Structure formats: C-alpha cells, structure tokens
PDB file of N, CA and C in Angstrom:
ATOM      1  N   MET A   1       0.847  -1.184   0.000  1.00  0.00           N
ATOM      2  CA  MET A   1       0.000   0.000   0.000  1.00  0.00           C
ATOM      3  C   MET A   1       0.886   1.240   0.000  1.00  0.00           C
ATOM      4  N   ASP A   2       0.513   2.181  -0.850  1.00  0.00           N
ATOM      5  CA  ASP A   2       1.240   3.445  -0.932  1.00  0.00           C
ATOM      6  C   ASP A   2       0.616   4.427   0.058  1.00  0.00           C
ATOM      7  N   PHE A   3       1.339   4.758   1.114  1.00  0.00           N
ATOM      8  CA  PHE A   3       0.816   5.628   2.166  1.00  0.00           C
ATOM      9  C   PHE A   3       0.876   7.107   1.785  1.00  0.00           C
ATOM     10  N   GLU A   4       1.439   7.410   0.630  1.00  0.00           N
ATOM     11  CA  GLU A   4       1.630   8.808   0.255  1.00  0.00           C
ATOM     12  C   GLU A   4       0.812   9.229  -0.959  1.00  0.00           C
ATOM     13  N   SER A   5      -0.138   8.402  -1.393  1.00  0.00           N
ATOM     14  CA  SER A   5      -0.969   8.785  -2.545  1.00  0.00           C
ATOM     15  C   SER A   5      -2.293   9.343  -2.025  1.00  0.00           C
ATOM     16  N   TRP A   6      -2.363  10.651  -1.930  1.00  0.00           N
ATOM     17  CA  TRP A   6      -3.522  11.338  -1.368  1.00  0.00           C
ATOM     18  C   TRP A   6      -4.091  12.321  -2.375  1.00  0.00           C
ATOM     19  N   ASP A   7      -5.417  12.442  -2.393  1.00  0.00           N
ATOM     20  CA  ASP A   7      -6.104  13.495  -3.143  1.00  0.00           C
ATOM     21  C   ASP A   7      -6.466  14.567  -2.129  1.00  0.00           C
ATOM     22  N   VAL A   8      -5.877  15.748  -2.272  1.00  0.00           N
ATOM     23  CA  VAL A   8      -6.021  16.808  -1.274  1.00  0.00           C
ATOM     24  C   VAL A   8      -6.946  17.898  -1.792  1.00  0.00           C
ATOM     25  N   ASP A   9      -7.889  18.305  -0.950  1.00  0.00           N
ATOM     26  CA  ASP A   9      -8.776  19.425  -1.239  1.00  0.00           C
ATOM     27  C   ASP A   9      -8.590  20.446  -0.118  1.00  0.00           C
ATOM     28  N   LEU A  10      -7.800  21.490  -0.391  1.00  0.00           N
ATOM     29  CA  LEU A  10      -7.500  22.484   0.648  1.00  0.00           C
ATOM     30  C   LEU A  10      -8.713  23.317   1.033  1.00  0.00           C
ATOM     31  N   ALA A  11      -9.619  23.530   0.089  1.00  0.00           N
ATOM     32  CA  ALA A  11     -10.792  24.358   0.390  1.00  0.00           C
ATOM     33  C   ALA A  11     -11.633  23.743   1.502  1.00  0.00           C
ATOM     34  N   SER A  12     -11.768  22.416   1.489  1.00  0.00           N
ATOM     35  CA  SER A  12     -12.550  21.752   2.533  1.00  0.00           C
ATOM     36  C   SER A  12     -11.662  21.216   3.652  1.00  0.00           C
ATOM     37  N   GLY A  13     -10.339  21.296   3.497  1.00  0.00           N
ATOM     38  CA  GLY A  13      -9.419  20.789   4.515  1.00  0.00           C
ATOM     39  C   GLY A  13      -9.472  19.277   4.610  1.00  0.00           C
ATOM     40  N   GLU A  14      -9.522  18.619   3.464  1.00  0.00           N
ATOM     41  CA  GLU A  14      -9.752  17.180   3.436  1.00  0.00           C
ATOM     42  C   GLU A  14      -8.747  16.497   2.521  1.00  0.00           C
ATOM     43  N   ALA A  15      -8.292  15.315   2.951  1.00  0.00           N
ATOM     44  CA  ALA A  15      -7.415  14.490   2.126  1.00  0.00           C
ATOM     45  C   ALA A  15      -8.019  13.090   2.062  1.00  0.00           C
ATOM     46  N   ARG A  16      -8.100  12.521   0.838  1.00  0.00           N
ATOM     47  CA  ARG A  16      -8.669  11.186   0.648  1.00  0.00           C
ATOM     48  C   ARG A  16      -7.590  10.258   0.107  1.00  0.00           C
ATOM     49  N   HIS A  17      -7.522   9.067   0.695  1.00  0.00           N
ATOM     50  CA  HIS A  17      -6.572   8.053   0.256  1.00  0.00           C
ATOM     51  C   HIS A  17      -7.297   7.065  -0.646  1.00  0.00           C
ATOM     52  N   GLU A  18      -6.544   6.359  -1.483  1.00  0.00           N
ATOM     53  CA  GLU A  18      -7.148   5.399  -2.407  1.00  0.00           C
ATOM     54  C   GLU A  18      -7.835   4.239  -1.687  1.00  0.00           C
ATOM     55  N   CYS A  19      -7.487   3.970  -0.433  1.00  0.00           N
ATOM     56  CA  CYS A  19      -8.118   2.883   0.321  1.00  0.00           C
ATOM     57  C   CYS A  19      -9.452   3.309   0.933  1.00  0.00           C
ATOM     58  N   GLY A  20      -9.805   4.602   0.822  1.00  0.00           N
ATOM     59  CA  GLY A  20     -11.070   5.084   1.349  1.00  0.00           C
ATOM     60  C   GLY A  20     -10.935   5.919   2.603  1.00  0.00           C
ATOM     61  N   CYS A  21      -9.758   5.965   3.168  1.00  0.00           N
ATOM     62  CA  CYS A  21      -9.529   6.746   4.389  1.00  0.00           C
ATOM     63  C   CYS A  21      -9.634   8.239   4.074  1.00  0.00           C
ATOM     64  N   VAL A  22     -10.277   8.969   4.987  1.00  0.00           N
ATOM     65  CA  VAL A  22     -10.437  10.411   4.824  1.00  0.00           C
ATOM     66  C   VAL A  22      -9.873  11.097   6.062  1.00  0.00           C
ATOM     67  N   VAL A  23      -9.063  12.122   5.854  1.00  0.00           N
ATOM     68  CA  VAL A  23      -8.511  12.917   6.958  1.00  0.00           C
ATOM     69  C   VAL A  23      -8.989  14.349   6.763  1.00  0.00           C
ATOM     70  N   ARG A  24      -9.713  14.859   7.756  1.00  0.00           N
ATOM     71  CA  ARG A  24     -10.193  16.246   7.722  1.00  0.00           C
ATOM     72  C   ARG A  24      -9.480  17.029   8.811  1.00  0.00           C
ATOM     73  N   VAL A  25      -9.105  18.254   8.500  1.00  0.00           N
ATOM     74  CA  VAL A  25      -8.476  19.122   9.500  1.00  0.00           C
ATOM     75  C   VAL A  25      -9.285  20.398   9.627  1.00  0.00           C
ATOM     76  N   GLU A  26      -9.237  20.977  10.817  1.00  0.00           N
ATOM     77  CA  GLU A  26      -9.844  22.285  11.050  1.00  0.00           C
ATOM     78  C   GLU A  26      -8.728  23.281  11.282  1.00  0.00           C
ATOM     79  N   GLY A  27      -8.870  24.448  10.702  1.00  0.00           N
ATOM     80  CA  GLY A  27      -7.853  25.479  10.861  1.00  0.00           C
ATOM     81  C   GLY A  27      -6.817  25.383   9.764  1.00  0.00           C
ATOM     82  N   ASP A  28      -5.660  25.889  10.049  1.00  0.00           N
ATOM     83  CA  ASP A  28      -4.547  25.908   9.108  1.00  0.00           C
ATOM     84  C   ASP A  28      -4.039  24.479   8.901  1.00  0.00           C
ATOM     85  N   PRO A  29      -3.970  23.979   7.663  1.00  0.00           N
ATOM     86  CA  PRO A  29      -3.487  22.615   7.433  1.00  0.00           C
ATOM     87  C   PRO A  29      -2.046  22.391   7.896  1.00  0.00           C
ATOM     88  N   GLN A  30      -1.243  23.452   7.976  1.00  0.00           N
ATOM     89  CA  GLN A  30       0.134  23.292   8.436  1.00  0.00           C
ATOM     90  C   GLN A  30       0.215  23.192   9.955  1.00  0.00           C
ATOM     91  N   ASN A  31      -0.797  23.695  10.641  1.00  0.00           N
ATOM     92  CA  ASN A  31      -0.852  23.640  12.100  1.00  0.00           C
ATOM     93  C   ASN A  31      -2.326  23.509  12.501  1.00  0.00           C
ATOM     94  N   PRO A  32      -2.917  22.323  12.297  1.00  0.00           N
ATOM     95  CA  PRO A  32      -4.361  22.184  12.487  1.00  0.00           C
ATOM     96  C   PRO A  32      -4.783  22.241  13.949  1.00  0.00           C
ATOM     97  N   MET A  33      -5.997  22.768  14.155  1.00  0.00           N
ATOM     98  CA  MET A  33      -6.573  22.797  15.499  1.00  0.00           C
ATOM     99  C   MET A  33      -7.133  21.428  15.861  1.00  0.00           C
ATOM    100  N   SER A  34      -7.665  20.715  14.884  1.00  0.00           N
ATOM    101  CA  SER A  34      -8.156  19.361  15.131  1.00  0.00           C
ATOM    102  C   SER A  34      -8.012  18.539  13.861  1.00  0.00           C
ATOM    103  N   VAL A  35      -7.877  17.234  14.060  1.00  0.00           N
ATOM    104  CA  VAL A  35      -7.742  16.291  12.954  1.00  0.00           C
ATOM    105  C   VAL A  35      -8.804  15.217  13.150  1.00  0.00           C
ATOM    106  N   ASP A  36      -9.567  14.938  12.089  1.00  0.00           N
ATOM    107  CA  ASP A  36     -10.653  13.966  12.170  1.00  0.00           C
ATOM    108  C   ASP A  36     -10.440  12.881  11.118  1.00  0.00           C
ATOM    109  N   PRO A  37      -9.822  11.752  11.494  1.00  0.00           N
ATOM    110  CA  PRO A  37      -9.652  10.655  10.541  1.00  0.00           C
ATOM    111  C   PRO A  37     -10.911   9.784  10.508  1.00  0.00           C
ATOM    112  N   SER A  38     -11.207   9.210   9.342  1.00  0.00           N
ATOM    113  CA  SER A  38     -12.364   8.316   9.243  1.00  0.00           C
ATOM    114  C   SER A  38     -12.167   7.327   8.103  1.00  0.00           C
ATOM    115  N   ASN A  39     -13.000   6.285   8.110  1.00  0.00           N
ATOM    116  CA  ASN A  39     -13.067   5.272   7.047  1.00  0.00           C
ATOM    117  C   ASN A  39     -11.777   4.483   6.861  1.00  0.00           C
ATOM    118  N   PHE A  40     -11.129   4.096   7.961  1.00  0.00           N
ATOM    119  CA  PHE A  40      -9.985   3.199   7.838  1.00  0.00           C
ATOM    120  C   PHE A  40     -10.499   1.821   7.434  1.00  0.00           C
ATOM    121  N   PRO A  41      -9.756   1.093   6.607  1.00  0.00           N
ATOM    122  CA  PRO A  41     -10.156  -0.279   6.288  1.00  0.00           C
ATOM    123  C   PRO A  41     -10.198  -1.127   7.563  1.00  0.00           C
ATOM    124  N   LYS A  42     -11.162  -2.038   7.631  1.00  0.00           N
ATOM    125  CA  LYS A  42     -11.378  -2.844   8.842  1.00  0.00           C
ATOM    126  C   LYS A  42     -10.188  -3.734   9.176  1.00  0.00           C
ATOM    127  N   ASP A  43      -9.512  -4.257   8.172  1.00  0.00           N
ATOM    128  CA  ASP A  43      -8.418  -5.199   8.414  1.00  0.00           C
ATOM    129  C   ASP A  43      -7.058  -4.516   8.587  1.00  0.00           C
ATOM    130  N   MET A  44      -7.019  -3.205   8.651  1.00  0.00           N
ATOM    131  CA  MET A  44      -5.754  -2.476   8.770  1.00  0.00           C
ATOM    132  C   MET A  44      -5.295  -2.439  10.225  1.00  0.00           C
ATOM    133  N   SER A  45      -4.010  -2.686  10.459  1.00  0.00           N
ATOM    134  CA  SER A  45      -3.466  -2.667  11.823  1.00  0.00           C
ATOM    135  C   SER A  45      -3.393  -1.231  12.340  1.00  0.00           C
ATOM    136  N   PHE A  46      -3.272  -1.104  13.665  1.00  0.00           N
ATOM    137  CA  PHE A  46      -3.197   0.223  14.272  1.00  0.00           C
ATOM    138  C   PHE A  46      -1.942   0.972  13.829  1.00  0.00           C
ATOM    139  N   VAL A  47      -0.871   0.242  13.631  1.00  0.00           N
ATOM    140  CA  VAL A  47       0.376   0.869  13.190  1.00  0.00           C
ATOM    141  C   VAL A  47       0.198   1.468  11.795  1.00  0.00           C
ATOM    142  N   ASP A  48      -0.446   0.701  10.908  1.00  0.00           N
ATOM    143  CA  ASP A  48      -0.680   1.210   9.557  1.00  0.00           C
ATOM    144  C   ASP A  48      -1.686   2.359   9.557  1.00  0.00           C
ATOM    145  N   GLN A  49      -2.669   2.311  10.472  1.00  0.00           N
ATOM    146  CA  GLN A  49      -3.616   3.420  10.583  1.00  0.00           C
ATOM    147  C   GLN A  49      -2.891   4.701  10.998  1.00  0.00           C
ATOM    148  N   ALA A  50      -1.989   4.579  11.969  1.00  0.00           N
ATOM    149  CA  ALA A  50      -1.225   5.748  12.419  1.00  0.00           C
ATOM    150  C   ALA A  50      -0.337   6.272  11.292  1.00  0.00           C
ATOM    151  N   ARG A  51       0.264   5.358  10.559  1.00  0.00           N
ATOM    152  CA  ARG A  51       1.125   5.755   9.445  1.00  0.00           C
ATOM    153  C   ARG A  51       0.307   6.455   8.354  1.00  0.00           C
ATOM    154  N   LEU A  52      -0.897   5.928   8.100  1.00  0.00           N
ATOM    155  CA  LEU A  52      -1.776   6.526   7.103  1.00  0.00           C
ATOM    156  C   LEU A  52      -2.244   7.905   7.557  1.00  0.00           C
ATOM    157  N   LEU A  53      -2.581   8.032   8.826  1.00  0.00           N
ATOM    158  CA  LEU A  53      -3.005   9.322   9.378  1.00  0.00           C
ATOM    159  C   LEU A  53      -1.888  10.353   9.269  1.00  0.00           C
ATOM    160  N   ARG A  54      -0.672   9.951   9.634  1.00  0.00           N
ATOM    161  CA  ARG A  54       0.470  10.860   9.535  1.00  0.00           C
ATOM    162  C   ARG A  54       0.689  11.285   8.092  1.00  0.00           C
ATOM    163  N   GLY A  55       0.576  10.337   7.163  1.00  0.00           N
ATOM    164  CA  GLY A  55       0.744  10.655   5.747  1.00  0.00           C
ATOM    165  C   GLY A  55      -0.309  11.632   5.250  1.00  0.00           C
ATOM    166  N   GLY A  56      -1.548  11.483   5.726  1.00  0.00           N
ATOM    167  CA  GLY A  56      -2.617  12.391   5.319  1.00  0.00           C
ATOM    168  C   GLY A  56      -2.403  13.802   5.821  1.00  0.00           C
ATOM    169  N   VAL A  57      -1.996  13.917   7.076  1.00  0.00           N
ATOM    170  CA  VAL A  57      -1.744  15.246   7.647  1.00  0.00           C
ATOM    171  C   VAL A  57      -0.557  15.902   6.949  1.00  0.00           C
ATOM    172  N   GLU A  58       0.480  15.117   6.670  1.00  0.00           N
ATOM    173  CA  GLU A  58       1.640  15.660   5.957  1.00  0.00           C
ATOM    174  C   GLU A  58       1.270  16.077   4.532  1.00  0.00           C
ATOM    175  N   ALA A  59       0.401  15.301   3.875  1.00  0.00           N
ATOM    176  CA  ALA A  59      -0.022  15.657   2.515  1.00  0.00           C
ATOM    177  C   ALA A  59      -0.782  16.979   2.522  1.00  0.00           C
ATOM    178  N   LEU A  60      -1.652  17.170   3.505  1.00  0.00           N
ATOM    179  CA  LEU A  60      -2.374  18.442   3.617  1.00  0.00           C
ATOM    180  C   LEU A  60      -1.418  19.600   3.884  1.00  0.00           C
ATOM    181  N   ALA A  61      -0.463  19.389   4.786  1.00  0.00           N
ATOM    182  CA  ALA A  61       0.495  20.451   5.117  1.00  0.00           C
ATOM    183  C   ALA A  61       1.357  20.800   3.906  1.00  0.00           C
ATOM    184  N   ASN A  62       1.823  19.784   3.182  1.00  0.00           N
ATOM    185  CA  ASN A  62       2.650  20.040   1.997  1.00  0.00           C
ATOM    186  C   ASN A  62       1.857  20.763   0.912  1.00  0.00           C
ATOM    187  N   ALA A  63       0.610  20.363   0.725  1.00  0.00           N
ATOM    188  CA  ALA A  63      -0.218  21.031  -0.283  1.00  0.00           C
ATOM    189  C   ALA A  63      -0.461  22.487   0.102  1.00  0.00           C
ATOM    190  N   ALA A  64      -0.670  22.740   1.382  1.00  0.00           N
ATOM    191  CA  ALA A  64      -0.881  24.119   1.841  1.00  0.00           C
ATOM    192  C   ALA A  64       0.388  24.941   1.671  1.00  0.00           C
ATOM    193  N   ARG A  65       1.528  24.344   1.977  1.00  0.00           N
ATOM    194  CA  ARG A  65       2.805  25.050   1.859  1.00  0.00           C
ATOM    195  C   ARG A  65       3.114  25.349   0.396  1.00  0.00           C
ATOM    196  N   ASN A  66       2.920  24.362  -0.478  1.00  0.00           N
ATOM    197  CA  ASN A  66       3.230  24.541  -1.898  1.00  0.00           C
ATOM    198  C   ASN A  66       2.191  25.394  -2.613  1.00  0.00           C
ATOM    199  N   GLY A  67       0.955  25.365  -2.125  1.00  0.00           N
ATOM    200  CA  GLY A  67      -0.113  26.116  -2.774  1.00  0.00           C
ATOM    201  C   GLY A  67      -0.266  27.520  -2.249  1.00  0.00           C
ATOM    202  N   GLY A  68       0.553  27.917  -1.285  1.00  0.00           N
ATOM    203  CA  GLY A  68       0.467  29.263  -0.737  1.00  0.00           C
ATOM    204  C   GLY A  68      -0.818  29.487   0.029  1.00  0.00           C
ATOM    205  N   TYR A  69      -1.218  28.510   0.804  1.00  0.00           N
ATOM    206  CA  TYR A  69      -2.472  28.597   1.568  1.00  0.00           C
ATOM    207  C   TYR A  69      -2.418  29.766   2.537  1.00  0.00           C
ATOM    208  N   SER A  70      -3.445  30.598   2.509  1.00  0.00           N
ATOM    209  CA  SER A  70      -3.567  31.684   3.481  1.00  0.00           C
ATOM    210  C   SER A  70      -5.029  31.775   3.883  1.00  0.00           C
ATOM    211  N   GLY A  71      -5.466  30.784   4.613  1.00  0.00           N
ATOM    212  CA  GLY A  71      -6.861  30.723   5.042  1.00  0.00           C
ATOM    213  C   GLY A  71      -7.118  31.598   6.246  1.00  0.00           C
ATOM    214  N   ALA A  72      -8.276  31.413   6.832  1.00  0.00           N
ATOM    215  CA  ALA A  72      -8.686  32.221   7.983  1.00  0.00           C
ATOM    216  C   ALA A  72      -7.745  32.013   9.162  1.00  0.00           C
ATOM    217  N   GLY A  73      -7.168  30.824   9.283  1.00  0.00           N
ATOM    218  CA  GLY A  73      -6.259  30.557  10.398  1.00  0.00           C
ATOM    219  C   GLY A  73      -5.007  31.410  10.329  1.00  0.00           C
ATOM    220  N   ALA A  74      -4.476  31.595   9.126  1.00  0.00           N
ATOM    221  CA  ALA A  74      -3.278  32.420   8.975  1.00  0.00           C
ATOM    222  C   ALA A  74      -3.591  33.878   9.265  1.00  0.00           C
ATOM    223  N   GLN A  75      -4.770  34.343   8.831  1.00  0.00           N
ATOM    224  CA  GLN A  75      -5.149  35.727   9.089  1.00  0.00           C
ATOM    225  C   GLN A  75      -5.419  35.947  10.564  1.00  0.00           C
ATOM    226  N   ALA A  76      -6.052  34.986  11.206  1.00  0.00           N
ATOM    227  CA  ALA A  76      -6.362  35.123  12.632  1.00  0.00           C
ATOM    228  C   ALA A  76      -5.083  35.121  13.458  1.00  0.00           C
ATOM    229  N   ARG A  77      -4.088  34.332  13.039  1.00  0.00           N
ATOM    230  CA  ARG A  77      -2.838  34.274  13.784  1.00  0.00           C
ATOM    231  C   ARG A  77      -2.114  35.617  13.713  1.00  0.00           C
ATOM    232  N   GLU A  78      -2.206  36.311  12.558  1.00  0.00           N
ATOM    233  CA  GLU A  78      -1.555  37.607  12.420  1.00  0.00           C
ATOM    234  C   GLU A  78      -2.234  38.666  13.274  1.00  0.00           C
ATOM    235  N   ALA A  79      -3.548  38.563  13.438  1.00  0.00           N
ATOM    236  CA  ALA A  79      -4.299  39.579  14.165  1.00  0.00           C
ATOM    237  C   ALA A  79      -4.729  39.094  15.544  1.00  0.00           C
ATOM    238  N   SER A  80      -4.039  38.094  16.076  1.00  0.00           N
ATOM    239  CA  SER A  80      -4.469  37.545  17.361  1.00  0.00           C
ATOM    240  C   SER A  80      -4.139  38.509  18.495  1.00  0.00           C
ATOM    241  N   VAL A  81      -5.018  38.524  19.466  1.00  0.00           N
ATOM    242  CA  VAL A  81      -4.857  39.363  20.637  1.00  0.00           C
ATOM    243  C   VAL A  81      -4.947  38.454  21.847  1.00  0.00           C
ATOM    244  N   LYS A  82      -4.015  38.604  22.754  1.00  0.00           N
ATOM    245  CA  LYS A  82      -4.030  37.762  23.941  1.00  0.00           C
ATOM    246  C   LYS A  82      -5.084  38.297  24.906  1.00  0.00           C
ATOM    247  N   VAL A  83      -6.012  37.428  25.272  1.00  0.00           N
ATOM    248  CA  VAL A  83      -7.099  37.811  26.159  1.00  0.00           C
ATOM    249  C   VAL A  83      -6.969  37.005  27.442  1.00  0.00           C
ATOM    250  N   LYS A  84      -6.986  37.701  28.559  1.00  0.00           N
ATOM    251  CA  LYS A  84      -6.888  37.025  29.848  1.00  0.00           C
ATOM    252  C   LYS A  84      -8.284  36.763  30.379  1.00  0.00           C
ATOM    253  N   SER A  85      -8.406  35.706  31.152  1.00  0.00           N
ATOM    254  CA  SER A  85      -9.704  35.389  31.737  1.00  0.00           C
ATOM    255  C   SER A  85     -10.059  36.429  32.790  1.00  0.00           C
ATOM    256  N   ARG A  86     -11.333  36.488  33.117  1.00  0.00           N
ATOM    257  CA  ARG A  86     -11.784  37.455  34.125  1.00  0.00           C
ATOM    258  C   ARG A  86     -11.127  37.185  35.472  1.00  0.00           C
ATOM    259  N   THR A  87     -10.927  35.920  35.791  1.00  0.00           N
ATOM    260  CA  THR A  87     -10.295  35.576  37.066  1.00  0.00           C
ATOM    261  C   THR A  87      -8.870  36.106  37.116  1.00  0.00           C
ATOM    262  N   ALA A  88      -8.117  35.919  36.039  1.00  0.00           N
ATOM    263  CA  ALA A  88      -6.739  36.406  36.001  1.00  0.00           C
ATOM    264  C   ALA A  88      -6.703  37.925  36.069  1.00  0.00           C
ATOM    265  N   GLN A  89      -7.624  38.577  35.376  1.00  0.00           N
ATOM    266  CA  GLN A  89      -7.677  40.040  35.418  1.00  0.00           C
ATOM    267  C   GLN A  89      -7.998  40.531  36.824  1.00  0.00           C
ATOM    268  N   GLU A  90      -8.930  39.854  37.492  1.00  0.00           N
ATOM    269  CA  GLU A  90      -9.308  40.251  38.852  1.00  0.00           C
ATOM    270  C   GLU A  90      -8.143  40.058  39.820  1.00  0.00           C
ATOM    271  N   LEU A  91      -7.410  38.951  39.688  1.00  0.00           N
ATOM    272  CA  LEU A  91      -6.255  38.711  40.557  1.00  0.00           C
ATOM    273  C   LEU A  91      -5.172  39.765  40.341  1.00  0.00           C
ATOM    274  N   GLU A  92      -4.930  40.125  39.089  1.00  0.00           N
ATOM    275  CA  GLU A  92      -3.928  41.156  38.809  1.00  0.00           C
ATOM    276  C   GLU A  92      -4.357  42.507  39.372  1.00  0.00           C
ATOM    277  N   ARG A  93      -5.643  42.812  39.264  1.00  0.00           N
ATOM    278  CA  ARG A  93      -6.151  44.076  39.801  1.00  0.00           C
ATOM    279  C   ARG A  93      -5.969  44.126  41.318  1.00  0.00           C
ATOM    280  N   LYS A  94      -6.277  43.022  42.003  1.00  0.00           N
ATOM    281  CA  LYS A  94      -6.114  42.970  43.460  1.00  0.00           C
ATOM    282  C   LYS A  94      -4.639  43.083  43.846  1.00  0.00           C
ATOM    283  N   ALA A  95      -3.764  42.448  43.081  1.00  0.00           N
ATOM    284  CA  ALA A  95      -2.334  42.518  43.372  1.00  0.00           C
ATOM    285  C   ALA A  95      -1.823  43.948  43.213  1.00  0.00           C
ATOM    286  N   ARG A  96      -2.289  44.649  42.176  1.00  0.00           N
ATOM    287  CA  ARG A  96      -1.874  46.042  41.987  1.00  0.00           C
ATOM    288  C   ARG A  96      -2.378  46.922  43.126  1.00  0.00           C
ATOM    289  N   LEU A  97      -3.621  46.698  43.552  1.00  0.00           N
ATOM    290  CA  LEU A  97      -4.167  47.478  44.666  1.00  0.00           C
ATOM    291  C   LEU A  97      -3.349  47.252  45.934  1.00  0.00           C
ATOM    292  N   PHE A  98      -2.991  46.006  46.191  1.00  0.00           N
ATOM    293  CA  PHE A  98      -2.209  45.696  47.382  1.00  0.00           C
ATOM    294  C   PHE A  98      -0.814  46.301  47.282  1.00  0.00           C
ATOM    295  N   ALA A  99      -0.204  46.236  46.096  1.00  0.00           N
ATOM    296  CA  ALA A  99       1.145  46.776  45.921  1.00  0.00           C
ATOM    297  C   ALA A  99       1.157  48.288  46.091  1.00  0.00           C
ATOM    298  N   ASP A 100       0.087  48.958  45.676  1.00  0.00           N
ATOM    299  CA  ASP A 100       0.017  50.414  45.777  1.00  0.00           C
ATOM    300  C   ASP A 100      -0.468  50.894  47.142  1.00  0.00           C
ATOM    301  N   ASN A 101      -0.915  49.988  47.992  1.00  0.00           N
ATOM    302  CA  ASN A 101      -1.469  50.349  49.297  1.00  0.00           C
ATOM    303  C   ASN A 101      -0.348  50.782  50.249  1.00  0.00           C
ATOM    304  N   PRO A 102      -0.347  52.030  50.723  1.00  0.00           N
ATOM    305  CA  PRO A 102       0.720  52.474  51.638  1.00  0.00           C
ATOM    306  C   PRO A 102       0.560  51.886  53.044  1.00  0.00           C
ATOM    307  N   ASP A 103      -0.621  51.371  53.384  1.00  0.00           N
ATOM    308  CA  ASP A 103      -0.853  50.822  54.717  1.00  0.00           C
ATOM    309  C   ASP A 103      -0.591  49.326  54.800  1.00  0.00           C
ATOM    310  N   LYS A 104       0.003  48.746  53.772  1.00  0.00           N
ATOM    311  CA  LYS A 104       0.219  47.303  53.819  1.00  0.00           C
ATOM    312  C   LYS A 104       1.238  46.971  54.904  1.00  0.00           C
ATOM    313  N   PRO A 105       1.114  45.820  55.523  1.00  0.00           N
ATOM    314  CA  PRO A 105       2.010  45.465  56.626  1.00  0.00           C
ATOM    315  C   PRO A 105       3.449  45.279  56.144  1.00  0.00           C
ATOM    316  N   LYS A 106       4.385  45.639  57.011  1.00  0.00           N
ATOM    317  CA  LYS A 106       5.802  45.439  56.702  1.00  0.00           C
ATOM    318  C   LYS A 106       6.142  43.988  56.992  1.00  0.00           C
ATOM    319  N   ARG A 107       6.835  43.383  56.098  1.00  0.00           N
ATOM    320  CA  ARG A 107       7.220  41.987  56.265  1.00  0.00           C
ATOM    321  C   ARG A 107       8.695  41.917  56.598  1.00  0.00           C
ATOM    322  N   ALA A 108       9.037  40.894  57.369  1.00  0.00           N
ATOM    323  CA  ALA A 108      10.444  40.679  57.700  1.00  0.00           C
ATOM    324  C   ALA A 108      11.187  40.299  56.424  1.00  0.00           C
ATOM    325  N   VAL A 109      12.381  40.800  56.296  1.00  0.00           N
ATOM    326  CA  VAL A 109      13.173  40.543  55.108  1.00  0.00           C
ATOM    327  C   VAL A 109      14.292  39.586  55.469  1.00  0.00           C
ATOM    328  N   LEU A 110      14.399  38.537  54.707  1.00  0.00           N
ATOM    329  CA  LEU A 110      15.466  37.577  54.908  1.00  0.00           C
ATOM    330  C   LEU A 110      16.546  37.884  53.882  1.00  0.00           C
ATOM    331  N   SER A 111      17.756  38.117  54.370  1.00  0.00           N
ATOM    332  CA  SER A 111      18.842  38.451  53.473  1.00  0.00           C
ATOM    333  C   SER A 111      20.017  37.533  53.736  1.00  0.00           C
ATOM    334  N   LEU A 112      20.677  37.131  52.698  1.00  0.00           N
ATOM    335  CA  LEU A 112      21.858  36.288  52.825  1.00  0.00           C
ATOM    336  C   LEU A 112      23.140  37.109  52.797  1.00  0.00           C
ATOM    337  N   LYS A 113      23.003  38.410  52.681  1.00  0.00           N
ATOM    338  CA  LYS A 113      24.170  39.283  52.675  1.00  0.00           C
ATOM    339  C   LYS A 113      24.674  39.463  54.098  1.00  0.00           C
ATOM    340  N   LYS A 114      25.989  39.573  54.218  1.00  0.00           N
ATOM    341  CA  LYS A 114      26.573  39.826  55.534  1.00  0.00           C
ATOM    342  C   LYS A 114      26.311  41.270  55.913  1.00  0.00           C
ATOM    343  N   ARG A 115      26.004  41.458  57.174  1.00  0.00           N
ATOM    344  CA  ARG A 115      25.783  42.820  57.650  1.00  0.00           C
ATOM    345  C   ARG A 115      27.129  43.500  57.835  1.00  0.00           C
ATOM    346  N   SER A 116      27.186  44.701  57.395  1.00  0.00           N
ATOM    347  CA  SER A 116      28.434  45.440  57.596  1.00  0.00           C
ATOM    348  C   SER A 116      28.371  46.072  58.984  1.00  0.00           C
ATOM    349  N   THR A 117      29.391  45.803  59.762  1.00  0.00           N
ATOM    350  CA  THR A 117      29.451  46.378  61.110  1.00  0.00           C
ATOM    351  C   THR A 117      30.312  47.622  61.049  1.00  0.00           C
ATOM    352  N   PRO A 118      29.880  48.668  61.734  1.00  0.00           N
ATOM    353  CA  PRO A 118      30.695  49.891  61.709  1.00  0.00           C
ATOM    354  C   PRO A 118      32.052  49.622  62.366  1.00  0.00           C
ATOM    355  N   ALA A 119      33.092  50.159  61.780  1.00  0.00           N
ATOM    356  CA  ALA A 119      34.452  49.963  62.305  1.00  0.00           C
ATOM    357  C   ALA A 119      34.593  50.727  63.612  1.00  0.00           C
ATOM    358  N   ALA A 120      35.215  50.086  64.556  1.00  0.00           N
ATOM    359  CA  ALA A 120      35.428  50.731  65.866  1.00  0.00           C
ATOM    360  C   ALA A 120      36.522  51.774  65.721  1.00  0.00           C
ATOM    361  N   THR A 121      36.220  52.968  66.173  1.00  0.00           N
ATOM    362  CA  THR A 121      37.214  54.038  66.109  1.00  0.00           C
ATOM    363  C   THR A 121      37.780  54.259  67.493  1.00  0.00           C
ATOM    364  N   ASP A 122      39.046  54.362  67.608  1.00  0.00           N
ATOM    365  CA  ASP A 122      39.709  54.594  68.898  1.00  0.00           C
ATOM    366  C   ASP A 122      40.074  56.010  69.061  1.00  0.00           C
TER     367      ASP A 122
END
C-alpha cells in the first residue's frame, strides 16, 4: 500500500486516500486545530492506521505550503490578541491594589548578605 498517494482538497481541509480513508483538519493545514480521521479499512493494523493518518496530515500540510495557503487561520494568527480570563484580570487588579497600598504590613526581610558592622574608632 502506498501511504503517500492522497487526493487533497484544501478548500474543505480534506485528504482522501485510495483505500477510502479520509482525513479532515480544522484550521490551518500546516498547524491544524483538530484532525478527524475516518473510514480506515477494517483489516488495517493500528500501526498502519497511524502511518496513514500521519501521511494524510503531511499531505495536507505540503499542499498548503506549496499552494500558498492563506486561510482564515493564517489571518487570525496575524491579528491575534491575547485575552486574559476574568479571574486572572481580577487577581492582577487585586495585586496592583495591594502593591500600591501604603498601609500594607511590613514583612520581615530575609537576606543572605553579611551585615556590615561599623568599624570601631579609637
């Protein structure tokens, strides 16, 4: 069996093998968000299924790379904005309030530096 003979359709994010196996990806084919394999032959071993799946994903990635794919995933990655959860934002806000609070308690400081003792003057 030739594990590298795939019919690739980048528009639908799908690769079909001659044995009937279909690999669908969501997102950018070069870095997919999810991979959905289906229709493996019943008598195929798990090792061959994994090899076929890897070949399908690689075929999609190569087709996208060679075809100059610039789908929604590539555009979204360029315009991505890091969004923090409300919990993280609330914790940061509380930490800033505490750091700016002049009435916060003084904590003991542990230092590994030797204390300099004033020299005795005679």
